Protein backbone atom coordinates (compact mmCIF):
# COMPACT_ATOMS: atom_id res chain seq x y z
CA MET A 1 88.68 149.60 70.59
CA ILE A 2 90.35 150.05 73.93
CA GLU A 3 94.12 150.26 73.50
CA TRP A 4 95.11 149.16 76.99
CA PHE A 5 92.91 146.08 76.66
CA ALA A 6 94.56 145.14 73.37
CA TYR A 7 98.03 145.65 74.83
CA ALA A 8 97.05 143.53 77.85
CA GLN A 9 95.89 140.81 75.45
CA VAL A 10 99.18 140.92 73.59
CA ALA A 11 101.13 140.70 76.85
CA VAL A 12 99.08 137.76 78.16
CA ALA A 13 99.35 135.91 74.85
CA VAL A 14 103.13 136.45 74.69
CA VAL A 15 103.64 135.28 78.28
CA ALA A 16 101.39 132.25 77.70
CA GLY A 17 103.17 131.47 74.43
CA LEU A 18 106.63 131.70 75.94
CA LEU A 19 105.55 129.60 78.92
CA CYS A 20 104.18 126.89 76.64
CA LEU A 21 107.24 126.98 74.39
CA VAL A 22 109.63 126.63 77.32
CA LEU A 23 107.60 123.77 78.81
CA GLY A 24 107.34 122.04 75.44
CA LEU A 25 111.01 122.34 74.63
CA ALA A 26 111.82 121.07 78.14
CA GLY A 27 109.94 117.89 77.27
CA ARG A 28 106.82 118.54 79.34
CA VAL A 29 103.49 117.23 78.12
CA PRO A 30 100.47 119.56 78.13
CA ASN A 31 99.22 120.11 81.67
CA ASP A 32 96.69 122.32 83.43
CA LEU A 33 99.02 125.32 83.25
CA VAL A 34 99.28 125.07 79.47
CA LEU A 35 95.55 124.61 78.96
CA GLY A 36 94.77 127.32 81.51
CA SER A 37 96.97 129.81 79.72
CA LEU A 38 95.17 129.04 76.46
CA ALA A 39 91.84 129.45 78.24
CA LEU A 40 92.88 132.88 79.51
CA VAL A 41 93.93 133.94 76.01
CA GLU A 42 90.56 132.72 74.70
CA LEU A 43 88.59 134.59 77.39
CA LEU A 44 90.37 137.81 76.48
CA LEU A 45 89.56 137.18 72.80
CA ILE A 46 85.89 136.80 73.66
CA GLY A 47 86.15 140.18 75.36
CA GLN A 48 87.70 141.49 72.16
CA VAL A 49 84.71 140.24 70.15
CA VAL A 50 82.31 142.03 72.50
CA THR A 51 84.42 145.20 72.31
CA ALA A 52 84.50 145.05 68.51
CA LEU A 53 80.72 144.70 68.39
CA VAL A 54 80.00 147.49 70.88
CA ALA A 55 82.69 150.06 69.98
CA PRO A 56 81.12 151.28 66.69
CA ALA A 57 77.78 151.78 68.43
CA VAL A 58 79.34 154.10 71.02
CA GLY A 59 81.20 156.23 68.47
CA ASN A 60 84.52 154.42 68.07
CA PRO A 61 84.44 153.01 64.52
CA PRO A 62 87.49 151.34 62.98
CA THR A 63 89.70 153.32 60.64
CA GLY A 64 90.90 150.33 58.59
CA SER A 65 89.34 147.47 56.67
CA LEU A 66 86.53 145.75 58.55
CA LEU A 67 86.95 142.58 56.51
CA GLU A 68 90.62 142.29 57.41
CA PHE A 69 89.85 143.02 61.08
CA TRP A 70 87.16 140.34 61.35
CA VAL A 71 89.24 137.75 59.49
CA TYR A 72 92.03 138.30 62.00
CA LEU A 73 89.60 138.19 64.92
CA VAL A 74 87.82 135.00 63.81
CA SER A 75 91.17 133.32 63.13
CA ALA A 76 92.51 134.39 66.52
CA VAL A 77 89.38 133.12 68.29
CA LEU A 78 89.68 129.71 66.61
CA LEU A 79 93.41 129.16 67.29
CA PRO A 80 93.45 128.55 71.08
CA PRO A 81 90.63 125.96 71.07
CA ALA A 82 92.26 124.18 68.12
CA ALA A 83 95.61 124.08 69.93
CA ALA A 84 93.96 122.90 73.15
CA LEU A 85 92.14 120.17 71.24
CA TRP A 86 95.43 119.08 69.69
CA ALA A 87 97.02 119.05 73.15
CA LEU A 88 94.21 116.93 74.58
CA ILE A 89 94.35 114.45 71.69
CA ASP A 90 98.13 114.18 71.26
CA ARG A 91 99.38 114.66 74.87
CA GLY A 92 102.99 114.89 73.64
CA ARG A 93 105.66 117.51 74.19
CA TRP A 94 105.14 118.92 70.69
CA ALA A 95 101.51 119.60 71.49
CA THR A 96 102.77 121.97 74.20
CA VAL A 97 104.97 123.70 71.61
CA VAL A 98 101.94 124.01 69.29
CA CYS A 99 100.04 125.69 72.14
CA GLY A 100 102.90 128.16 72.53
CA VAL A 101 103.05 128.95 68.83
CA ALA A 102 99.27 129.43 68.75
CA SER A 103 99.47 131.89 71.66
CA LEU A 104 102.25 133.86 69.99
CA ALA A 105 100.27 133.93 66.72
CA VAL A 106 97.29 135.32 68.64
CA ALA A 107 99.53 138.05 70.08
CA VAL A 108 100.59 139.10 66.58
CA MET A 109 96.98 139.03 65.34
CA VAL A 110 95.70 141.15 68.23
CA TYR A 111 98.46 143.71 67.66
CA ARG A 112 97.55 143.84 63.95
CA MET A 113 93.86 144.24 64.83
CA LEU A 114 94.76 147.20 67.05
CA GLN A 115 96.63 148.79 64.14
CA ILE A 116 93.68 148.22 61.80
CA TRP A 117 91.24 149.70 64.31
CA THR A 118 93.22 152.79 65.34
CA VAL A 119 95.97 153.66 62.84
CA GLN A 120 95.13 152.74 59.26
CA GLN A 121 93.10 154.98 57.04
CA ALA A 122 90.45 153.37 54.86
């Protein structure tokens, strides 16, 4: 797993989450900026899936539990589309807050996946 890519994912997810939280708490309904930030987080997660599939084949196996890693990754991949769907259905200010919380949860999951891949011993 590439560390700088994971840290970039965490940074993007935190910025997107804070942006959505601020907009939601300011009373703004979900707009293109909110959905675009979720889309960017999701694109980076798709890159994470590809990296997780390719890394063991090129000699970079995980050092922690594969089951825990993939549960985090699948959960993280499902969160942004679920939040975006909620935002498209509800169109209220709290949907924007939900998008922010989902992005921040993805940031925590990606950081945990990085720890599982590089630090933990099986």
